[in-house]
Amino acid sequence: MARPFLPMTGQWRREFVRPRGPEHVPAPGELAPDFTLPYARLITSAAGPQIEYGRTITLSALRGRPVVLNLTRIVSDRFFCPHCAPQLDALRETYQEFAARQVELLVVSSTDLEMTSFVAETLRAPFPVLSDPEWSVFSQYGMGSAMGVPLP
């Protein structure tokens, strides 16, 4: 099996994501797996744009409201998943449409809270970017080892 090359470090990694719990892809109509994660997002105030970070969001607290959940692999400030970067741009550009329809938009990042804060600021994300460095939510939603995604 080929070893993935990560441009952020220039190092070869031999590890792949291993399940951190039972991987199960929720079926349509099935209750979504719950999670609580810290987040960062850009808020605009009279003092100008600021990063809000460190608070947590629990998915079950949003029950009864429509939620769009985007799982994004972000390895560093210089390396986004090539499919995720355009998705994040599109989500940022259409965020007001989600908000107008009272749809919660949550982006789950594979980074720690410090990097997640940097990413939220870089993306100018008005939506919460949640920090999941342990890949627990990725695993709960059937992503991770099943996809052969390398660990950062």
C-alpha atoms as a PDB file:
ATOM      1  CA  MET A   1       0.000   0.000   0.000  1.00  0.00           C
ATOM      2  CA  ALA A   2       1.356   3.414  -0.950  1.00  0.00           C
ATOM      3  CA  ARG A   3       2.078   5.820   1.875  1.00  0.00           C
ATOM      4  CA  PRO A   4       0.416   9.234   1.631  1.00  0.00           C
ATOM      5  CA  PHE A   5       2.620  12.301   1.254  1.00  0.00           C
ATOM      6  CA  LEU A   6       1.495  15.317   3.232  1.00  0.00           C
ATOM      7  CA  PRO A   7       2.773  18.577   1.735  1.00  0.00           C
ATOM      8  CA  MET A   8       2.446  20.470   5.019  1.00  0.00           C
ATOM      9  CA  THR A   9       5.249  18.489   6.672  1.00  0.00           C
ATOM     10  CA  GLY A  10       7.105  16.906   3.777  1.00  0.00           C
ATOM     11  CA  GLN A  11       7.002  13.665   5.740  1.00  0.00           C
ATOM     12  CA  TRP A  12       5.597  10.292   4.796  1.00  0.00           C
ATOM     13  CA  ARG A  13       2.994   8.914   7.149  1.00  0.00           C
ATOM     14  CA  ARG A  14       2.366   5.214   7.589  1.00  0.00           C
ATOM     15  CA  GLU A  15      -0.776   5.510   9.625  1.00  0.00           C
ATOM     16  CA  PHE A  16      -4.295   5.634   8.304  1.00  0.00           C
ATOM     17  CA  VAL A  17      -7.367   6.651  10.206  1.00  0.00           C
ATOM     18  CA  ARG A  18      -8.483   3.805  12.368  1.00  0.00           C
ATOM     19  CA  PRO A  19     -12.022   3.496  13.641  1.00  0.00           C
ATOM     20  CA  ARG A  20     -12.492   5.267  16.955  1.00  0.00           C
ATOM     21  CA  GLY A  21     -15.797   3.569  17.508  1.00  0.00           C
ATOM     22  CA  PRO A  22     -18.330   1.686  15.456  1.00  0.00           C
ATOM     23  CA  GLU A  23     -18.500   3.220  12.006  1.00  0.00           C
ATOM     24  CA  HIS A  24     -22.050   3.429  10.783  1.00  0.00           C
ATOM     25  CA  VAL A  25     -23.521   5.587   8.083  1.00  0.00           C
ATOM     26  CA  PRO A  26     -26.894   6.888   9.283  1.00  0.00           C
ATOM     27  CA  ALA A  27     -29.768   5.914   7.008  1.00  0.00           C
ATOM     28  CA  PRO A  28     -32.299   8.495   5.778  1.00  0.00           C
ATOM     29  CA  GLY A  29     -34.824   9.131   8.531  1.00  0.00           C
ATOM     30  CA  GLU A  30     -32.546   7.664  11.206  1.00  0.00           C
ATOM     31  CA  LEU A  31     -31.654   9.857  14.172  1.00  0.00           C
ATOM     32  CA  ALA A  32     -28.294  11.531  13.522  1.00  0.00           C
ATOM     33  CA  PRO A  33     -25.456  10.543  15.877  1.00  0.00           C
ATOM     34  CA  ASP A  34     -25.077  13.190  18.579  1.00  0.00           C
ATOM     35  CA  PHE A  35     -21.881  15.042  19.345  1.00  0.00           C
ATOM     36  CA  THR A  36     -20.593  18.051  21.248  1.00  0.00           C
ATOM     37  CA  LEU A  37     -17.617  19.961  19.845  1.00  0.00           C
ATOM     38  CA  PRO A  38     -15.958  23.350  20.387  1.00  0.00           C
ATOM     39  CA  TYR A  39     -16.176  25.804  17.514  1.00  0.00           C
ATOM     40  CA  ALA A  40     -14.846  29.020  16.018  1.00  0.00           C
ATOM     41  CA  ARG A  41     -16.565  31.486  13.703  1.00  0.00           C
ATOM     42  CA  LEU A  42     -16.227  35.039  12.470  1.00  0.00           C
ATOM     43  CA  ILE A  43     -18.702  37.475  13.976  1.00  0.00           C
ATOM     44  CA  THR A  44     -19.172  41.042  12.865  1.00  0.00           C
ATOM     45  CA  SER A  45     -19.797  43.712  15.463  1.00  0.00           C
ATOM     46  CA  ALA A  46     -19.554  47.483  15.680  1.00  0.00           C
ATOM     47  CA  ALA A  47     -15.887  47.011  16.611  1.00  0.00           C
ATOM     48  CA  GLY A  48     -15.315  45.057  13.407  1.00  0.00           C
ATOM     49  CA  PRO A  49     -14.882  41.367  12.634  1.00  0.00           C
ATOM     50  CA  GLN A  50     -13.780  39.162  15.516  1.00  0.00           C
ATOM     51  CA  ILE A  51     -13.258  35.445  15.990  1.00  0.00           C
ATOM     52  CA  GLU A  52     -15.546  33.799  18.510  1.00  0.00           C
ATOM     53  CA  TYR A  53     -14.104  30.492  19.698  1.00  0.00           C
ATOM     54  CA  GLY A  54     -14.127  27.975  22.513  1.00  0.00           C
ATOM     55  CA  ARG A  55     -17.869  27.613  22.975  1.00  0.00           C
ATOM     56  CA  THR A  56     -19.431  24.257  22.200  1.00  0.00           C
ATOM     57  CA  ILE A  57     -22.305  23.090  20.048  1.00  0.00           C
ATOM     58  CA  THR A  58     -24.274  19.926  20.737  1.00  0.00           C
ATOM     59  CA  LEU A  59     -26.117  18.536  17.746  1.00  0.00           C
ATOM     60  CA  SER A  60     -29.065  17.247  19.783  1.00  0.00           C
ATOM     61  CA  ALA A  61     -29.669  20.808  21.077  1.00  0.00           C
ATOM     62  CA  LEU A  62     -30.612  21.690  17.482  1.00  0.00           C
ATOM     63  CA  ARG A  63     -33.183  18.880  17.209  1.00  0.00           C
ATOM     64  CA  GLY A  64     -36.270  19.974  15.319  1.00  0.00           C
ATOM     65  CA  ARG A  65     -34.340  22.451  13.202  1.00  0.00           C
ATOM     66  CA  PRO A  66     -32.854  21.672   9.779  1.00  0.00           C
ATOM     67  CA  VAL A  67     -29.076  21.180   9.969  1.00  0.00           C
ATOM     68  CA  VAL A  68     -26.538  20.932   7.152  1.00  0.00           C
ATOM     69  CA  LEU A  69     -23.445  19.094   8.371  1.00  0.00           C
ATOM     70  CA  ASN A  70     -20.256  19.412   6.302  1.00  0.00           C
ATOM     71  CA  LEU A  71     -17.238  17.269   7.244  1.00  0.00           C
ATOM     72  CA  THR A  72     -14.030  18.921   6.065  1.00  0.00           C
ATOM     73  CA  ARG A  73     -10.485  17.639   6.105  1.00  0.00           C
ATOM     74  CA  ILE A  74      -8.120  20.501   6.875  1.00  0.00           C
ATOM     75  CA  VAL A  75      -4.523  19.493   7.436  1.00  0.00           C
ATOM     76  CA  SER A  76      -2.956  22.918   7.900  1.00  0.00           C
ATOM     77  CA  ASP A  77      -3.407  26.557   7.001  1.00  0.00           C
ATOM     78  CA  ARG A  78      -1.791  25.740   3.647  1.00  0.00           C
ATOM     79  CA  PHE A  79      -3.449  22.440   2.779  1.00  0.00           C
ATOM     80  CA  PHE A  80      -7.184  21.844   2.473  1.00  0.00           C
ATOM     81  CA  CYS A  81      -8.753  18.773   0.959  1.00  0.00           C
ATOM     82  CA  PRO A  82      -8.977  19.682  -2.766  1.00  0.00           C
ATOM     83  CA  HIS A  83     -12.706  18.936  -2.777  1.00  0.00           C
ATOM     84  CA  CYS A  84     -13.418  20.700   0.522  1.00  0.00           C
ATOM     85  CA  ALA A  85     -11.986  24.138  -0.291  1.00  0.00           C
ATOM     86  CA  PRO A  86     -14.501  24.896  -3.091  1.00  0.00           C
ATOM     87  CA  GLN A  87     -17.322  23.529  -0.922  1.00  0.00           C
ATOM     88  CA  LEU A  88     -16.361  25.839   1.941  1.00  0.00           C
ATOM     89  CA  ASP A  89     -16.243  28.830  -0.400  1.00  0.00           C
ATOM     90  CA  ALA A  90     -19.697  27.951  -1.732  1.00  0.00           C
ATOM     91  CA  LEU A  91     -21.085  27.523   1.787  1.00  0.00           C
ATOM     92  CA  ARG A  92     -19.701  30.905   2.841  1.00  0.00           C
ATOM     93  CA  GLU A  93     -21.176  32.575  -0.257  1.00  0.00           C
ATOM     94  CA  THR A  94     -24.621  31.041   0.314  1.00  0.00           C
ATOM     95  CA  TYR A  95     -24.687  31.255   4.113  1.00  0.00           C
ATOM     96  CA  GLN A  96     -27.228  34.092   4.168  1.00  0.00           C
ATOM     97  CA  GLU A  97     -29.656  31.907   2.201  1.00  0.00           C
ATOM     98  CA  PHE A  98     -29.296  29.167   4.830  1.00  0.00           C
ATOM     99  CA  ALA A  99     -29.772  31.683   7.642  1.00  0.00           C
ATOM    100  CA  ALA A 100     -32.839  33.229   5.973  1.00  0.00           C
ATOM    101  CA  ARG A 101     -34.447  29.782   5.887  1.00  0.00           C
ATOM    102  CA  GLN A 102     -33.407  29.116   9.511  1.00  0.00           C
ATOM    103  CA  VAL A 103     -31.132  26.251   8.486  1.00  0.00           C
ATOM    104  CA  GLU A 104     -28.172  25.627  10.786  1.00  0.00           C
ATOM    105  CA  LEU A 105     -24.910  25.173   8.910  1.00  0.00           C
ATOM    106  CA  LEU A 106     -22.167  23.309  10.791  1.00  0.00           C
ATOM    107  CA  VAL A 107     -18.740  22.596   9.360  1.00  0.00           C
ATOM    108  CA  VAL A 108     -16.713  19.951  11.194  1.00  0.00           C
ATOM    109  CA  SER A 109     -12.959  20.325  10.775  1.00  0.00           C
ATOM    110  CA  SER A 110     -10.305  17.705  11.457  1.00  0.00           C
ATOM    111  CA  THR A 111      -8.113  20.284  13.256  1.00  0.00           C
ATOM    112  CA  ASP A 112      -7.550  21.365  16.850  1.00  0.00           C
ATOM    113  CA  LEU A 113      -9.328  24.469  18.135  1.00  0.00           C
ATOM    114  CA  GLU A 114      -6.375  26.801  17.541  1.00  0.00           C
ATOM    115  CA  MET A 115      -6.111  25.808  13.868  1.00  0.00           C
ATOM    116  CA  THR A 116      -9.902  25.779  13.555  1.00  0.00           C
ATOM    117  CA  SER A 117      -9.936  29.411  14.747  1.00  0.00           C
ATOM    118  CA  PHE A 118      -7.308  30.304  12.153  1.00  0.00           C
ATOM    119  CA  VAL A 119      -9.292  28.512   9.441  1.00  0.00           C
ATOM    120  CA  ALA A 120     -12.541  30.258  10.436  1.00  0.00           C
ATOM    121  CA  GLU A 121     -10.752  33.602  10.234  1.00  0.00           C
ATOM    122  CA  THR A 122      -9.064  32.774   6.910  1.00  0.00           C
ATOM    123  CA  LEU A 123     -12.354  31.602   5.383  1.00  0.00           C
ATOM    124  CA  ARG A 124     -14.235  34.512   6.969  1.00  0.00           C
ATOM    125  CA  ALA A 125     -16.714  31.850   8.083  1.00  0.00           C
ATOM    126  CA  PRO A 126     -19.949  33.275   9.542  1.00  0.00           C
ATOM    127  CA  PHE A 127     -20.995  29.711  10.379  1.00  0.00           C
ATOM    128  CA  PRO A 128     -19.507  27.598  13.184  1.00  0.00           C
ATOM    129  CA  VAL A 129     -16.393  25.615  12.234  1.00  0.00           C
ATOM    130  CA  LEU A 130     -16.232  22.801  14.768  1.00  0.00           C
ATOM    131  CA  SER A 131     -12.986  21.256  15.954  1.00  0.00           C
ATOM    132  CA  ASP A 132     -12.733  17.442  15.784  1.00  0.00           C
ATOM    133  CA  PRO A 133      -9.014  16.541  15.960  1.00  0.00           C
ATOM    134  CA  GLU A 134      -9.839  13.023  17.202  1.00  0.00           C
ATOM    135  CA  TRP A 135     -12.013  12.369  14.110  1.00  0.00           C
ATOM    136  CA  SER A 136     -14.834  11.150  16.372  1.00  0.00           C
ATOM    137  CA  VAL A 137     -17.626  12.765  14.334  1.00  0.00           C
ATOM    138  CA  PHE A 138     -16.003  11.637  11.087  1.00  0.00           C
ATOM    139  CA  SER A 139     -16.093   8.079  12.420  1.00  0.00           C
ATOM    140  CA  GLN A 140     -19.674   8.397  13.705  1.00  0.00           C
ATOM    141  CA  TYR A 141     -20.793   9.376  10.219  1.00  0.00           C
ATOM    142  CA  GLY A 142     -18.937   6.570   8.441  1.00  0.00           C
ATOM    143  CA  MET A 143     -15.924   8.556   7.280  1.00  0.00           C
ATOM    144  CA  GLY A 144     -12.343   7.855   8.146  1.00  0.00           C
ATOM    145  CA  SER A 145     -10.778   4.455   7.789  1.00  0.00           C
ATOM    146  CA  ALA A 146     -13.511   3.339   5.416  1.00  0.00           C
ATOM    147  CA  MET A 147     -12.341   6.039   3.025  1.00  0.00           C
ATOM    148  CA  GLY A 148      -8.616   5.496   3.605  1.00  0.00           C
ATOM    149  CA  VAL A 149      -8.140   9.116   4.611  1.00  0.00           C
ATOM    150  CA  PRO A 150      -4.635   9.613   6.058  1.00  0.00           C
ATOM    151  CA  LEU A 151      -4.192  11.114   9.477  1.00  0.00           C
ATOM    152  CA  PRO A 152      -2.723  14.620   9.483  1.00  0.00           C
END
